[in-house]
Amino acid sequence: MAITVKPLHPLFVGEVTGVDLRQPIDPATLGEIVAAIDRHAVLVFPEQALDDAQQIAFSSLFGPLETTRRQLRPDQPLRLDAHMSDVSNLDEKNRLLAANDSRRMGNIGNQLWHTDSTFKRIPARYSLLSAHVIPATGGNTEFADMRAAYEALPEAKQAELEGLIAIHSIYHSRATVGFTDFTDVERAALPPVPQVLVRTHPGSGRKSLYLASHASEIQGMPLPEGRMLLLDLTEHATQRQFVYAHAWRKDDFVIWDNRATMHRGRAYDDTKYRRELVRA
């Protein structure tokens, strides 16, 4: 089965047709999908009405699945399987989250530019997000091409960044938006971790900036200087020429490579509209 990929942006992002992800995927088709991710970094699969079991089965073809950090909060029962990240504004009874619910407060942090799970010792390679219910307005997701952003830096700046290590923490990013409601169990389970600032992608061979709002400092650099460097790089990497904004449609399925991109959710009226997206 040969897939077709239509570019959606001059630098990255492709729309994929010619495959039904609900059906078994043969090795040749999986290889085509991986090659397309290596090239485009973000793939949009329209009209893929996957249920959770089908999404888990397909996502598992790429490697072991991580588990959601929300399972560290037994006072907030999970709505989904622990291998699914609930990118919604719903509680365990499928009701809209209350305005003061800590889960809603945490979700607001997803509107910061970030790369998924950089605050974990083993971060996520890919993210695979399925849209079940979308709001009447708002709620887009923006993606930034971190390969193109790196390549646009002056050679002197590229040389300056080689070998630098950033410290990543979920507590840093959430504190940025004023959310600090973490338990001792959560803090013990997810301590700050180091991540290399510039990576070479094994599939494309291209170098990429590895940034996120979770990055709090540069190892071995004075805190003010390290933070300004991270802020400057993020500002550079999220210039409009490097960014694609995805307007969700029901049953869109989007895969992105966290080693080559950064992303952020955009605001919508989450106290009025239901938005149900699930990620593996």
Protein backbone atom coordinates (compact mmCIF):
# COMPACT_ATOMS: atom_id res chain seq x y z
CA MET A 1 0.00 0.00 0.00
CA ALA A 2 1.57 3.27 -1.13
CA ILE A 3 0.75 6.42 0.80
CA THR A 4 0.47 9.88 -0.74
CA VAL A 5 1.94 12.91 1.06
CA LYS A 6 0.88 16.46 0.14
CA PRO A 7 3.01 19.29 1.60
CA LEU A 8 1.07 21.75 3.78
CA HIS A 9 3.94 24.19 4.47
CA PRO A 10 7.07 25.21 2.54
CA LEU A 11 9.39 23.74 5.19
CA PHE A 12 7.59 20.83 6.84
CA VAL A 13 4.19 19.18 7.51
CA GLY A 14 2.51 16.77 5.11
CA GLU A 15 -1.06 15.52 4.70
CA VAL A 16 -1.17 11.75 4.25
CA THR A 17 -3.81 9.82 2.34
CA GLY A 18 -4.01 6.27 1.01
CA VAL A 19 -3.96 4.42 4.32
CA ASP A 20 -6.55 3.41 6.92
CA LEU A 21 -4.83 3.43 10.32
CA ARG A 22 -7.64 1.36 11.83
CA GLN A 23 -6.49 -1.63 9.78
CA PRO A 24 -3.30 -3.70 10.25
CA ILE A 25 -0.28 -1.84 8.87
CA ASP A 26 2.25 -3.91 6.93
CA PRO A 27 6.01 -3.28 7.40
CA ALA A 28 6.41 -1.59 4.02
CA THR A 29 3.66 0.96 4.75
CA LEU A 30 5.05 1.58 8.22
CA GLY A 31 8.43 2.24 6.63
CA GLU A 32 6.84 4.78 4.27
CA ILE A 33 5.20 6.55 7.20
CA VAL A 34 8.48 6.72 9.14
CA ALA A 35 10.29 8.06 6.06
CA ALA A 36 7.57 10.69 5.67
CA ILE A 37 7.95 11.72 9.33
CA ASP A 38 11.73 11.99 8.83
CA ARG A 39 11.10 14.32 5.89
CA HIS A 40 8.09 16.37 7.07
CA ALA A 41 8.31 16.09 10.91
CA VAL A 42 4.51 16.53 11.18
CA LEU A 43 2.00 14.30 9.37
CA VAL A 44 -1.74 15.01 9.18
CA PHE A 45 -4.00 12.00 8.48
CA PRO A 46 -7.57 13.23 7.78
CA GLU A 47 -10.70 11.14 8.35
CA GLN A 48 -9.16 8.56 10.69
CA ALA A 49 -11.90 7.71 13.21
CA LEU A 50 -9.72 5.66 15.56
CA ASP A 51 -11.03 4.45 18.89
CA ASP A 52 -8.62 4.29 21.82
CA ALA A 53 -7.74 0.62 21.29
CA GLN A 54 -6.96 1.22 17.62
CA GLN A 55 -4.86 4.26 18.46
CA ILE A 56 -2.89 2.29 21.05
CA ALA A 57 -2.36 -0.57 18.59
CA PHE A 58 -1.10 1.73 15.83
CA SER A 59 1.04 3.85 18.14
CA SER A 60 2.69 0.73 19.57
CA LEU A 61 4.18 0.00 16.13
CA PHE A 62 6.69 2.80 16.77
CA GLY A 63 7.92 1.50 20.13
CA PRO A 64 6.87 1.19 23.77
CA LEU A 65 4.28 3.71 24.91
CA GLU A 66 4.85 6.05 27.81
CA THR A 67 2.29 6.40 30.58
CA THR A 68 0.60 9.63 31.57
CA ARG A 69 1.94 11.57 34.52
CA ARG A 70 -1.67 12.05 35.64
CA GLN A 71 -1.63 8.55 37.10
CA LEU A 72 0.50 10.04 39.89
CA ARG A 73 -2.66 11.76 41.17
CA PRO A 74 -4.99 9.06 42.59
CA ASP A 75 -7.32 11.83 43.77
CA GLN A 76 -8.03 12.54 40.08
CA PRO A 77 -9.15 9.24 38.47
CA LEU A 78 -8.08 8.71 34.87
CA ARG A 79 -10.69 8.97 32.12
CA LEU A 80 -8.57 6.94 29.70
CA ASP A 81 -6.06 4.10 29.62
CA ALA A 82 -2.81 5.10 31.35
CA HIS A 83 -0.99 4.83 27.98
CA MET A 84 -3.13 7.66 26.62
CA SER A 85 -2.64 11.31 27.46
CA ASP A 86 -5.97 13.07 27.90
CA VAL A 87 -5.68 16.35 25.98
CA SER A 88 -9.23 17.36 26.83
CA ASN A 89 -11.21 19.59 29.15
CA LEU A 90 -13.17 16.68 30.63
CA ASP A 91 -13.10 14.97 34.00
CA GLU A 92 -13.40 11.22 34.67
CA LYS A 93 -17.20 11.48 34.30
CA ASN A 94 -16.93 13.27 30.93
CA ARG A 95 -18.05 16.58 32.41
CA LEU A 96 -16.39 19.90 31.56
CA LEU A 97 -13.63 20.64 34.05
CA ALA A 98 -14.53 23.27 36.60
CA ALA A 99 -12.82 26.62 36.13
CA ASN A 100 -10.68 26.05 39.25
CA ASP A 101 -9.90 22.37 38.59
CA SER A 102 -6.15 21.75 38.84
CA ARG A 103 -6.26 19.67 35.66
CA ARG A 104 -7.57 22.69 33.79
CA MET A 105 -4.86 24.85 35.33
CA GLY A 106 -2.26 22.34 34.20
CA ASN A 107 -3.69 22.26 30.67
CA ILE A 108 -3.22 26.00 30.34
CA GLY A 109 0.52 25.29 30.38
CA ASN A 110 0.10 23.45 27.06
CA GLN A 111 -0.37 26.87 25.46
CA LEU A 112 3.36 27.46 26.04
CA TRP A 113 5.74 26.35 23.30
CA HIS A 114 6.98 22.92 24.30
CA THR A 115 8.22 19.52 23.24
CA ASP A 116 6.40 16.56 24.77
CA SER A 117 7.90 14.86 27.81
CA THR A 118 11.30 16.53 27.76
CA PHE A 119 10.90 16.60 31.55
CA LYS A 120 11.16 12.79 31.59
CA ARG A 121 14.45 10.90 31.61
CA ILE A 122 13.35 9.18 28.40
CA PRO A 123 11.36 11.78 26.44
CA ALA A 124 8.78 11.01 23.76
CA ARG A 125 10.04 10.30 20.25
CA TYR A 126 6.68 10.76 18.52
CA SER A 127 3.32 12.10 19.63
CA LEU A 128 0.18 10.73 17.99
CA LEU A 129 -2.95 12.82 18.58
CA SER A 130 -6.50 11.98 17.58
CA ALA A 131 -9.34 14.53 17.42
CA HIS A 132 -12.71 13.19 18.58
CA VAL A 133 -14.55 16.41 19.49
CA ILE A 134 -13.43 19.92 18.55
CA PRO A 135 -14.75 23.28 19.81
CA ALA A 136 -16.79 25.61 17.63
CA THR A 137 -13.93 28.09 17.54
CA GLY A 138 -10.28 28.20 18.62
CA GLY A 139 -8.21 25.31 19.94
CA ASN A 140 -5.75 25.10 17.04
CA THR A 141 -2.29 23.58 17.49
CA GLU A 142 0.81 25.36 16.19
CA PHE A 143 4.01 23.55 15.24
CA ALA A 144 7.53 24.95 14.74
CA ASP A 145 10.23 23.33 12.59
CA MET A 146 13.26 23.17 14.87
CA ARG A 147 15.54 21.87 12.09
CA ALA A 148 14.90 24.88 9.88
CA ALA A 149 15.24 27.14 12.92
CA TYR A 150 18.67 25.67 13.72
CA GLU A 151 19.82 25.92 10.11
CA ALA A 152 18.82 29.61 10.00
CA LEU A 153 21.15 30.47 12.90
CA PRO A 154 24.52 32.07 12.09
CA GLU A 155 27.39 29.58 12.05
CA ALA A 156 28.96 31.29 15.05
CA LYS A 157 25.78 30.78 17.08
CA GLN A 158 25.54 27.14 15.98
CA ALA A 159 29.11 26.58 17.18
CA GLU A 160 28.31 28.29 20.48
CA LEU A 161 25.42 25.90 21.12
CA GLU A 162 27.33 22.67 20.48
CA GLY A 163 27.57 20.51 23.59
CA LEU A 164 25.27 22.64 25.74
CA ILE A 165 22.85 20.85 28.04
CA ALA A 166 19.54 22.27 29.27
CA ILE A 167 17.75 21.24 32.46
CA HIS A 168 14.06 20.42 31.93
CA SER A 169 11.30 20.30 34.53
CA ILE A 170 7.49 20.20 34.33
CA TYR A 171 7.42 22.31 37.49
CA HIS A 172 9.32 25.11 35.78
CA SER A 173 6.96 25.36 32.81
CA ARG A 174 3.82 25.20 34.92
CA ALA A 175 5.16 27.77 37.37
CA THR A 176 5.53 30.11 34.40
CA VAL A 177 1.74 30.31 34.22
CA GLY A 178 1.33 30.38 38.01
CA PHE A 179 0.50 26.70 38.57
CA THR A 180 2.42 25.00 41.39
CA ASP A 181 -0.13 22.47 42.67
CA PHE A 182 2.06 19.36 42.63
CA THR A 183 2.17 16.69 45.30
CA ASP A 184 5.32 15.37 46.94
CA VAL A 185 4.75 12.11 45.05
CA GLU A 186 4.73 13.94 41.72
CA ARG A 187 7.85 15.92 42.55
CA ALA A 188 9.72 12.78 43.60
CA ALA A 189 8.65 10.87 40.48
CA LEU A 190 9.62 13.59 37.99
CA PRO A 191 12.81 15.33 39.09
CA PRO A 192 14.52 17.79 36.69
CA VAL A 193 16.47 16.07 33.89
CA PRO A 194 19.25 17.11 31.47
CA GLN A 195 18.67 17.19 27.71
CA VAL A 196 21.16 18.05 24.97
CA LEU A 197 20.29 21.40 23.37
CA VAL A 198 21.27 20.50 19.78
CA ARG A 199 20.52 17.02 18.45
CA THR A 200 21.25 15.28 15.16
CA HIS A 201 18.15 13.49 13.92
CA PRO A 202 19.00 9.84 13.15
CA GLY A 203 16.48 9.62 10.30
CA SER A 204 17.17 12.82 8.40
CA GLY A 205 20.73 13.54 9.54
CA ARG A 206 19.70 17.16 10.16
CA LYS A 207 20.58 19.04 13.33
CA SER A 208 17.73 20.41 15.40
CA LEU A 209 17.19 22.65 18.40
CA TYR A 210 15.70 20.74 21.33
CA LEU A 211 13.75 23.35 23.25
CA ALA A 212 10.65 23.49 25.43
CA SER A 213 9.03 25.72 28.02
CA HIS A 214 10.16 22.98 30.43
CA ALA A 215 13.80 24.08 29.92
CA SER A 216 14.77 26.18 32.94
CA GLU A 217 18.52 26.71 32.62
CA ILE A 218 21.74 25.75 30.84
CA GLN A 219 24.02 23.45 32.78
CA GLY A 220 27.21 25.23 33.85
CA MET A 221 25.98 28.66 32.76
CA PRO A 222 24.91 31.47 35.12
CA LEU A 223 21.14 31.29 35.53
CA PRO A 224 20.30 34.70 33.98
CA GLU A 225 22.51 34.08 30.94
CA GLY A 226 21.17 30.57 30.42
CA ARG A 227 17.56 31.66 30.64
CA MET A 228 18.09 34.54 28.23
CA LEU A 229 19.71 32.15 25.76
CA LEU A 230 16.71 29.81 25.99
CA LEU A 231 14.28 32.71 25.58
CA ASP A 232 16.18 34.08 22.58
CA LEU A 233 16.31 30.67 20.89
CA THR A 234 12.60 30.10 21.45
CA GLU A 235 11.78 33.53 20.03
CA HIS A 236 13.96 32.77 17.00
CA ALA A 237 12.51 29.28 16.46
CA THR A 238 8.88 30.43 16.58
CA GLN A 239 9.08 33.12 13.92
CA ARG A 240 6.17 32.82 11.50
CA GLN A 241 8.26 31.36 8.67
CA PHE A 242 9.01 28.31 10.83
CA VAL A 243 5.42 27.79 12.08
CA TYR A 244 2.39 25.86 10.80
CA ALA A 245 -1.01 26.29 12.48
CA HIS A 246 -3.30 23.26 12.34
CA ALA A 247 -7.05 23.89 12.48
CA TRP A 248 -8.47 20.62 13.78
CA ARG A 249 -11.24 18.74 12.02
CA LYS A 250 -13.13 15.86 13.58
CA ASP A 251 -11.23 12.56 13.11
CA ASP A 252 -7.93 14.24 12.22
CA PHE A 253 -4.99 12.13 13.37
CA VAL A 254 -1.66 13.96 13.62
CA ILE A 255 1.79 12.51 14.24
CA TRP A 256 4.74 14.72 15.03
CA ASP A 257 8.38 14.06 15.74
CA ASN A 258 9.35 15.65 19.05
CA ARG A 259 13.01 15.53 18.06
CA ALA A 260 12.38 17.92 15.17
CA THR A 261 9.50 20.14 16.30
CA MET A 262 8.05 22.24 19.06
CA HIS A 263 4.31 22.92 19.45
CA ARG A 264 1.69 24.71 21.49
CA GLY A 265 -2.10 24.59 21.87
CA ARG A 266 -4.12 27.73 21.29
CA ALA A 267 -6.86 29.06 23.52
CA TYR A 268 -10.57 28.33 23.22
CA ASP A 269 -13.53 28.76 25.59
CA ASP A 270 -12.95 25.61 27.61
CA THR A 271 -15.69 26.45 30.10
CA LYS A 272 -18.26 26.40 27.27
CA TYR A 273 -17.06 24.07 24.51
CA ARG A 274 -16.08 20.42 24.79
CA ARG A 275 -12.70 19.55 23.26
CA GLU A 276 -11.65 15.91 23.27
CA LEU A 277 -8.26 14.99 21.85
CA VAL A 278 -6.28 11.94 22.97
CA ARG A 279 -2.55 11.34 22.53
CA ALA A 280 -0.23 8.38 22.68
